[in-house]
């Protein structure tokens, strides 16, 4: 499932939409994981999701080198780690994009515009190469891939929500 909410969707509506999606999943032995980008303006959404009982796993995306577990449900992860895991899964064929997904074309377009940049001093950065292009779906899928690959908790389904 890939879904981009309309720009300007209120945080209250975001929580409601995500909560409805989670409740509509078939019963499972383990609850699905909801992985949420808590970087910057994502923090209030995480707080609202916690109050709504959705039990989000908050990930703050950093420019650093080390992954840090802040608490049982909060992490600081370098963007390079997220991008690397996504690249490995795509290149190995373990992650494929179903062409009938409603946002498949948008996701593929974001992937094709997503670039790694390395400065003369060796500093790396990852983003869409044009400022007008979004990378929300790429980072959302990368968060889910990171969580799934790290097996932070055993889950049958992993959900992720980008910024």
C-alpha atoms as a PDB file:
ATOM      1  CA  UNK A   1       0.000   0.000   0.000  1.00  0.00           C
ATOM      2  CA  UNK A   2       1.322   3.418  -0.961  1.00  0.00           C
ATOM      3  CA  UNK A   3      -0.671   6.551  -0.293  1.00  0.00           C
ATOM      4  CA  UNK A   4       0.277  10.191  -0.328  1.00  0.00           C
ATOM      5  CA  UNK A   5      -2.095  12.369   1.671  1.00  0.00           C
ATOM      6  CA  UNK A   6      -2.950  15.733   0.158  1.00  0.00           C
ATOM      7  CA  UNK A   7      -0.696  18.602   1.132  1.00  0.00           C
ATOM      8  CA  UNK A   8      -2.360  20.509   3.940  1.00  0.00           C
ATOM      9  CA  UNK A   9      -4.140  17.479   5.440  1.00  0.00           C
ATOM     10  CA  UNK A  10      -4.561  18.320   9.111  1.00  0.00           C
ATOM     11  CA  UNK A  11      -2.677  16.310  11.723  1.00  0.00           C
ATOM     12  CA  UNK A  12      -6.035  15.284  13.211  1.00  0.00           C
ATOM     13  CA  UNK A  13      -7.114  13.903   9.833  1.00  0.00           C
ATOM     14  CA  UNK A  14      -3.763  12.150   9.340  1.00  0.00           C
ATOM     15  CA  UNK A  15      -4.209  10.351  12.662  1.00  0.00           C
ATOM     16  CA  UNK A  16      -7.785   9.435  11.806  1.00  0.00           C
ATOM     17  CA  UNK A  17      -6.882   8.100   8.340  1.00  0.00           C
ATOM     18  CA  UNK A  18      -3.977   6.036   9.676  1.00  0.00           C
ATOM     19  CA  UNK A  19      -6.054   4.748  12.592  1.00  0.00           C
ATOM     20  CA  UNK A  20      -8.835   3.685  10.211  1.00  0.00           C
ATOM     21  CA  UNK A  21      -6.325   1.872   7.968  1.00  0.00           C
ATOM     22  CA  UNK A  22      -4.806   0.030  10.905  1.00  0.00           C
ATOM     23  CA  UNK A  23      -8.241  -1.024  12.196  1.00  0.00           C
ATOM     24  CA  UNK A  24      -9.221  -2.318   8.752  1.00  0.00           C
ATOM     25  CA  UNK A  25      -6.350  -4.830   8.644  1.00  0.00           C
ATOM     26  CA  UNK A  26      -7.297  -8.469   9.111  1.00  0.00           C
ATOM     27  CA  UNK A  27      -6.740  -9.898  12.594  1.00  0.00           C
ATOM     28  CA  UNK A  28      -3.201 -11.072  13.277  1.00  0.00           C
ATOM     29  CA  UNK A  29      -1.269 -12.659  16.122  1.00  0.00           C
ATOM     30  CA  UNK A  30       0.827  -9.517  16.365  1.00  0.00           C
ATOM     31  CA  UNK A  31      -0.199  -5.918  15.914  1.00  0.00           C
ATOM     32  CA  UNK A  32       1.263  -4.123  12.902  1.00  0.00           C
ATOM     33  CA  UNK A  33       4.100  -1.689  13.460  1.00  0.00           C
ATOM     34  CA  UNK A  34       3.433   1.951  12.646  1.00  0.00           C
ATOM     35  CA  UNK A  35       6.780   3.593  11.834  1.00  0.00           C
ATOM     36  CA  UNK A  36       6.539   7.385  11.635  1.00  0.00           C
ATOM     37  CA  UNK A  37       9.059  10.037  10.610  1.00  0.00           C
ATOM     38  CA  UNK A  38       9.283  12.264  13.671  1.00  0.00           C
ATOM     39  CA  UNK A  39      11.824  14.648  12.153  1.00  0.00           C
ATOM     40  CA  UNK A  40      10.880  18.318  12.525  1.00  0.00           C
ATOM     41  CA  UNK A  41       7.153  18.786  12.043  1.00  0.00           C
ATOM     42  CA  UNK A  42       6.580  15.026  12.356  1.00  0.00           C
ATOM     43  CA  UNK A  43       6.871  15.204  16.144  1.00  0.00           C
ATOM     44  CA  UNK A  44       3.369  16.634  16.721  1.00  0.00           C
ATOM     45  CA  UNK A  45       1.903  13.869  14.524  1.00  0.00           C
ATOM     46  CA  UNK A  46       3.699  11.236  16.607  1.00  0.00           C
ATOM     47  CA  UNK A  47       2.360  12.852  19.789  1.00  0.00           C
ATOM     48  CA  UNK A  48      -1.198  12.830  18.429  1.00  0.00           C
ATOM     49  CA  UNK A  49      -0.845   9.203  17.351  1.00  0.00           C
ATOM     50  CA  UNK A  50       0.353   8.266  20.829  1.00  0.00           C
ATOM     51  CA  UNK A  51      -2.655  10.005  22.384  1.00  0.00           C
ATOM     52  CA  UNK A  52      -4.924   8.153  19.940  1.00  0.00           C
ATOM     53  CA  UNK A  53      -3.465   4.836  21.104  1.00  0.00           C
ATOM     54  CA  UNK A  54      -1.832   3.992  17.757  1.00  0.00           C
ATOM     55  CA  UNK A  55       1.558   3.180  19.358  1.00  0.00           C
ATOM     56  CA  UNK A  56       3.794   4.790  16.722  1.00  0.00           C
ATOM     57  CA  UNK A  57       7.487   4.009  16.465  1.00  0.00           C
ATOM     58  CA  UNK A  58       9.097   7.422  16.059  1.00  0.00           C
ATOM     59  CA  UNK A  59      12.154   7.738  13.831  1.00  0.00           C
ATOM     60  CA  UNK A  60      14.077  10.973  13.660  1.00  0.00           C
ATOM     61  CA  UNK A  61      16.130  11.031  10.471  1.00  0.00           C
ATOM     62  CA  UNK A  62      19.613  12.418  11.062  1.00  0.00           C
ATOM     63  CA  UNK A  63      22.701  13.331   9.064  1.00  0.00           C
ATOM     64  CA  UNK A  64      24.919  11.405  11.495  1.00  0.00           C
ATOM     65  CA  UNK A  65      26.658   8.076  11.213  1.00  0.00           C
ATOM     66  CA  UNK A  66      25.242   6.070  14.123  1.00  0.00           C
ATOM     67  CA  UNK A  67      21.827   4.571  14.792  1.00  0.00           C
ATOM     68  CA  UNK A  68      20.559   5.367  18.274  1.00  0.00           C
ATOM     69  CA  UNK A  69      17.676   3.825  20.161  1.00  0.00           C
ATOM     70  CA  UNK A  70      16.284   6.593  22.348  1.00  0.00           C
ATOM     71  CA  UNK A  71      13.546   4.472  23.934  1.00  0.00           C
ATOM     72  CA  UNK A  72      11.564   1.338  23.153  1.00  0.00           C
ATOM     73  CA  UNK A  73       9.580   3.281  20.554  1.00  0.00           C
ATOM     74  CA  UNK A  74      11.946   6.047  19.446  1.00  0.00           C
ATOM     75  CA  UNK A  75      15.042   5.974  17.242  1.00  0.00           C
ATOM     76  CA  UNK A  76      17.527   8.317  15.567  1.00  0.00           C
ATOM     77  CA  UNK A  77      18.604   6.890  12.224  1.00  0.00           C
ATOM     78  CA  UNK A  78      21.023   8.358   9.667  1.00  0.00           C
ATOM     79  CA  UNK A  79      19.426   8.989   6.300  1.00  0.00           C
ATOM     80  CA  UNK A  80      22.313   7.063   4.689  1.00  0.00           C
ATOM     81  CA  UNK A  81      21.208   3.902   6.539  1.00  0.00           C
ATOM     82  CA  UNK A  82      17.638   4.257   5.323  1.00  0.00           C
ATOM     83  CA  UNK A  83      18.724   4.883   1.749  1.00  0.00           C
ATOM     84  CA  UNK A  84      21.246   2.027   1.814  1.00  0.00           C
ATOM     85  CA  UNK A  85      18.709  -0.544   3.003  1.00  0.00           C
ATOM     86  CA  UNK A  86      16.201   0.575   0.389  1.00  0.00           C
ATOM     87  CA  UNK A  87      18.841   0.378  -2.364  1.00  0.00           C
ATOM     88  CA  UNK A  88      19.936  -3.132  -1.342  1.00  0.00           C
ATOM     89  CA  UNK A  89      16.360  -4.417  -1.214  1.00  0.00           C
ATOM     90  CA  UNK A  90      15.520  -2.944  -4.618  1.00  0.00           C
ATOM     91  CA  UNK A  91      18.749  -4.097  -6.270  1.00  0.00           C
ATOM     92  CA  UNK A  92      18.449  -7.614  -4.876  1.00  0.00           C
ATOM     93  CA  UNK A  93      14.840  -7.901  -5.999  1.00  0.00           C
ATOM     94  CA  UNK A  94      13.579  -8.425  -2.437  1.00  0.00           C
ATOM     95  CA  UNK A  95      11.511  -5.250  -2.755  1.00  0.00           C
ATOM     96  CA  UNK A  96       9.422  -4.783  -5.854  1.00  0.00           C
ATOM     97  CA  UNK A  97       6.881  -2.150  -6.770  1.00  0.00           C
ATOM     98  CA  UNK A  98       3.533  -3.599  -7.791  1.00  0.00           C
ATOM     99  CA  UNK A  99       2.511  -1.644 -10.905  1.00  0.00           C
ATOM    100  CA  UNK A 100      -1.164  -1.609  -9.880  1.00  0.00           C
ATOM    101  CA  UNK A 101      -0.501   0.386  -6.692  1.00  0.00           C
ATOM    102  CA  UNK A 102      -2.199   3.766  -6.926  1.00  0.00           C
ATOM    103  CA  UNK A 103       1.051   5.621  -6.167  1.00  0.00           C
ATOM    104  CA  UNK A 104       3.451   3.269  -8.007  1.00  0.00           C
ATOM    105  CA  UNK A 105       4.304   5.777 -10.722  1.00  0.00           C
ATOM    106  CA  UNK A 106       4.848   8.550  -8.188  1.00  0.00           C
ATOM    107  CA  UNK A 107       7.127   6.292  -6.116  1.00  0.00           C
ATOM    108  CA  UNK A 108       9.148   5.289  -9.193  1.00  0.00           C
ATOM    109  CA  UNK A 109       9.467   8.955 -10.189  1.00  0.00           C
ATOM    110  CA  UNK A 110      10.675   9.857  -6.687  1.00  0.00           C
ATOM    111  CA  UNK A 111      13.204   7.025  -6.797  1.00  0.00           C
ATOM    112  CA  UNK A 112      14.538   8.171 -10.155  1.00  0.00           C
ATOM    113  CA  UNK A 113      14.992  11.720  -8.818  1.00  0.00           C
ATOM    114  CA  UNK A 114      16.581  10.630  -5.542  1.00  0.00           C
ATOM    115  CA  UNK A 115      20.343  11.197  -5.567  1.00  0.00           C
ATOM    116  CA  UNK A 116      23.290  10.749  -3.241  1.00  0.00           C
ATOM    117  CA  UNK A 117      25.672  13.692  -3.134  1.00  0.00           C
ATOM    118  CA  UNK A 118      29.174  13.527  -1.701  1.00  0.00           C
ATOM    119  CA  UNK A 119      31.001  16.781  -1.026  1.00  0.00           C
ATOM    120  CA  UNK A 120      34.727  17.354  -1.533  1.00  0.00           C
ATOM    121  CA  UNK A 121      35.172  16.874   2.228  1.00  0.00           C
ATOM    122  CA  UNK A 122      33.430  13.482   2.068  1.00  0.00           C
ATOM    123  CA  UNK A 123      30.098  14.552   3.589  1.00  0.00           C
ATOM    124  CA  UNK A 124      27.157  12.686   2.087  1.00  0.00           C
ATOM    125  CA  UNK A 125      23.598  13.914   1.610  1.00  0.00           C
ATOM    126  CA  UNK A 126      20.531  12.278   0.084  1.00  0.00           C
ATOM    127  CA  UNK A 127      17.561  13.987  -1.470  1.00  0.00           C
ATOM    128  CA  UNK A 128      15.645  14.700  -4.615  1.00  0.00           C
ATOM    129  CA  UNK A 129      18.029  16.366  -7.018  1.00  0.00           C
ATOM    130  CA  UNK A 130      15.545  19.109  -7.839  1.00  0.00           C
ATOM    131  CA  UNK A 131      14.061  21.173  -5.031  1.00  0.00           C
ATOM    132  CA  UNK A 132      10.562  20.962  -6.519  1.00  0.00           C
ATOM    133  CA  UNK A 133      10.538  17.148  -6.374  1.00  0.00           C
ATOM    134  CA  UNK A 134       9.311  15.332  -3.274  1.00  0.00           C
ATOM    135  CA  UNK A 135      10.941  12.314  -1.635  1.00  0.00           C
ATOM    136  CA  UNK A 136       8.178  11.523   0.889  1.00  0.00           C
ATOM    137  CA  UNK A 137       7.249   8.124  -0.515  1.00  0.00           C
ATOM    138  CA  UNK A 138      10.906   7.096  -0.868  1.00  0.00           C
ATOM    139  CA  UNK A 139      11.594   7.936   2.765  1.00  0.00           C
ATOM    140  CA  UNK A 140       8.360   6.327   3.920  1.00  0.00           C
ATOM    141  CA  UNK A 141       9.204   3.042   2.199  1.00  0.00           C
ATOM    142  CA  UNK A 142      12.801   3.347   3.440  1.00  0.00           C
ATOM    143  CA  UNK A 143      11.540   3.654   7.040  1.00  0.00           C
ATOM    144  CA  UNK A 144       9.440   0.509   6.652  1.00  0.00           C
ATOM    145  CA  UNK A 145      12.369  -1.315   5.016  1.00  0.00           C
ATOM    146  CA  UNK A 146      14.750  -0.254   7.799  1.00  0.00           C
ATOM    147  CA  UNK A 147      12.349  -1.388  10.494  1.00  0.00           C
ATOM    148  CA  UNK A 148      11.609  -4.670   8.773  1.00  0.00           C
ATOM    149  CA  UNK A 149      15.270  -5.447   8.120  1.00  0.00           C
ATOM    150  CA  UNK A 150      16.412  -4.542  11.607  1.00  0.00           C
ATOM    151  CA  UNK A 151      13.659  -6.686  13.135  1.00  0.00           C
ATOM    152  CA  UNK A 152      13.410  -4.271  16.020  1.00  0.00           C
ATOM    153  CA  UNK A 153      10.222  -6.105  16.979  1.00  0.00           C
ATOM    154  CA  UNK A 154       8.723  -9.177  15.361  1.00  0.00           C
ATOM    155  CA  UNK A 155       5.718  -8.013  13.354  1.00  0.00           C
ATOM    156  CA  UNK A 156       3.657  -9.484  10.589  1.00  0.00           C
ATOM    157  CA  UNK A 157       3.014  -6.131   8.910  1.00  0.00           C
ATOM    158  CA  UNK A 158       5.060  -2.937   8.893  1.00  0.00           C
ATOM    159  CA  UNK A 159       3.459   0.435   8.267  1.00  0.00           C
ATOM    160  CA  UNK A 160       5.395   3.604   7.677  1.00  0.00           C
ATOM    161  CA  UNK A 161       4.449   7.190   7.302  1.00  0.00           C
ATOM    162  CA  UNK A 162       6.828   9.796   5.935  1.00  0.00           C
ATOM    163  CA  UNK A 163       6.824  13.483   6.663  1.00  0.00           C
END
